[in-house]
């Protein structure tokens, strides 16, 4: 599982594209809110990308898994 060191909401789509299929990345909530991540993942469905977003059991980060 990869943890990003820095990110901006504007670079989030670039970062999400770099996640390998089947891999999970952990994004700190301080950098990008969970709602912004969910919104970006939903918008990327148009381009053929599929992600799951989960914050269950995590206090300070969000897990993003690329499925397709």
C-alpha atoms as a PDB file:
ATOM      1  CA  UNK A   1       0.000   0.000   0.000  1.00  0.00           C
ATOM      2  CA  UNK A   2       1.432   3.341  -1.043  1.00  0.00           C
ATOM      3  CA  UNK A   3       1.136   6.508   1.012  1.00  0.00           C
ATOM      4  CA  UNK A   4       1.418   9.793  -0.773  1.00  0.00           C
ATOM      5  CA  UNK A   5       3.607  12.463   0.785  1.00  0.00           C
ATOM      6  CA  UNK A   6       1.934  15.474  -0.771  1.00  0.00           C
ATOM      7  CA  UNK A   7      -0.854  16.274  -3.148  1.00  0.00           C
ATOM      8  CA  UNK A   8      -3.167  19.044  -4.176  1.00  0.00           C
ATOM      9  CA  UNK A   9      -6.774  18.643  -5.185  1.00  0.00           C
ATOM     10  CA  UNK A  10      -5.803  19.777  -8.692  1.00  0.00           C
ATOM     11  CA  UNK A  11      -3.239  16.968  -9.007  1.00  0.00           C
ATOM     12  CA  UNK A  12      -5.510  14.298  -7.553  1.00  0.00           C
ATOM     13  CA  UNK A  13      -6.674  12.968 -10.913  1.00  0.00           C
ATOM     14  CA  UNK A  14      -3.060  12.594 -12.073  1.00  0.00           C
ATOM     15  CA  UNK A  15      -2.190  10.703  -8.894  1.00  0.00           C
ATOM     16  CA  UNK A  16      -5.225   8.423  -9.157  1.00  0.00           C
ATOM     17  CA  UNK A  17      -4.257   7.497 -12.726  1.00  0.00           C
ATOM     18  CA  UNK A  18      -0.800   6.441 -11.499  1.00  0.00           C
ATOM     19  CA  UNK A  19      -2.171   3.885  -9.019  1.00  0.00           C
ATOM     20  CA  UNK A  20      -1.649   0.411 -10.551  1.00  0.00           C
ATOM     21  CA  UNK A  21      -4.737  -1.767 -11.066  1.00  0.00           C
ATOM     22  CA  UNK A  22      -5.423  -3.804  -7.926  1.00  0.00           C
ATOM     23  CA  UNK A  23      -3.255  -1.586  -5.697  1.00  0.00           C
ATOM     24  CA  UNK A  24      -4.404   0.484  -2.727  1.00  0.00           C
ATOM     25  CA  UNK A  25      -3.158   3.967  -1.896  1.00  0.00           C
ATOM     26  CA  UNK A  26      -3.628   5.849   1.354  1.00  0.00           C
ATOM     27  CA  UNK A  27      -4.297   9.580   1.051  1.00  0.00           C
ATOM     28  CA  UNK A  28      -4.034  11.776   4.183  1.00  0.00           C
ATOM     29  CA  UNK A  29      -7.233  13.642   5.016  1.00  0.00           C
ATOM     30  CA  UNK A  30      -5.218  16.772   5.782  1.00  0.00           C
ATOM     31  CA  UNK A  31      -4.244  17.038   2.103  1.00  0.00           C
ATOM     32  CA  UNK A  32      -7.519  16.112   0.392  1.00  0.00           C
ATOM     33  CA  UNK A  33     -10.953  15.602   1.954  1.00  0.00           C
ATOM     34  CA  UNK A  34     -12.700  12.272   1.506  1.00  0.00           C
ATOM     35  CA  UNK A  35     -15.639  13.905  -0.272  1.00  0.00           C
ATOM     36  CA  UNK A  36     -13.276  15.428  -2.869  1.00  0.00           C
ATOM     37  CA  UNK A  37     -11.685  12.034  -3.473  1.00  0.00           C
ATOM     38  CA  UNK A  38     -15.079  10.385  -3.931  1.00  0.00           C
ATOM     39  CA  UNK A  39     -16.194  13.103  -6.322  1.00  0.00           C
ATOM     40  CA  UNK A  40     -13.024  12.818  -8.425  1.00  0.00           C
ATOM     41  CA  UNK A  41     -13.287   8.997  -8.569  1.00  0.00           C
ATOM     42  CA  UNK A  42     -16.910   9.265  -9.707  1.00  0.00           C
ATOM     43  CA  UNK A  43     -15.980  11.722 -12.454  1.00  0.00           C
ATOM     44  CA  UNK A  44     -13.173   9.463 -13.670  1.00  0.00           C
ATOM     45  CA  UNK A  45     -15.679   6.673 -14.437  1.00  0.00           C
ATOM     46  CA  UNK A  46     -16.378   8.507 -17.707  1.00  0.00           C
ATOM     47  CA  UNK A  47     -12.804   7.803 -18.786  1.00  0.00           C
ATOM     48  CA  UNK A  48     -12.847   4.085 -17.916  1.00  0.00           C
ATOM     49  CA  UNK A  49     -11.282   4.214 -14.440  1.00  0.00           C
ATOM     50  CA  UNK A  50     -12.934   2.463 -11.503  1.00  0.00           C
ATOM     51  CA  UNK A  51     -12.026   3.038  -7.856  1.00  0.00           C
ATOM     52  CA  UNK A  52     -13.299   2.169  -4.403  1.00  0.00           C
ATOM     53  CA  UNK A  53     -12.930   4.738  -1.633  1.00  0.00           C
ATOM     54  CA  UNK A  54     -13.033   3.806   2.049  1.00  0.00           C
ATOM     55  CA  UNK A  55     -12.331   5.590   5.307  1.00  0.00           C
ATOM     56  CA  UNK A  56     -13.604   2.822   7.573  1.00  0.00           C
ATOM     57  CA  UNK A  57     -11.232   2.303  10.484  1.00  0.00           C
ATOM     58  CA  UNK A  58      -9.010   5.204   9.482  1.00  0.00           C
ATOM     59  CA  UNK A  59      -8.971   8.438  11.444  1.00  0.00           C
ATOM     60  CA  UNK A  60      -6.544  10.523   9.425  1.00  0.00           C
ATOM     61  CA  UNK A  61      -6.544   9.044   5.918  1.00  0.00           C
ATOM     62  CA  UNK A  62      -8.630   7.547   3.129  1.00  0.00           C
ATOM     63  CA  UNK A  63      -7.927   4.305   1.253  1.00  0.00           C
ATOM     64  CA  UNK A  64      -8.360   4.308  -2.516  1.00  0.00           C
ATOM     65  CA  UNK A  65      -8.211   1.066  -4.492  1.00  0.00           C
ATOM     66  CA  UNK A  66      -8.069   1.052  -8.274  1.00  0.00           C
ATOM     67  CA  UNK A  67     -10.204  -1.724  -9.724  1.00  0.00           C
ATOM     68  CA  UNK A  68      -9.970  -0.940 -13.442  1.00  0.00           C
END
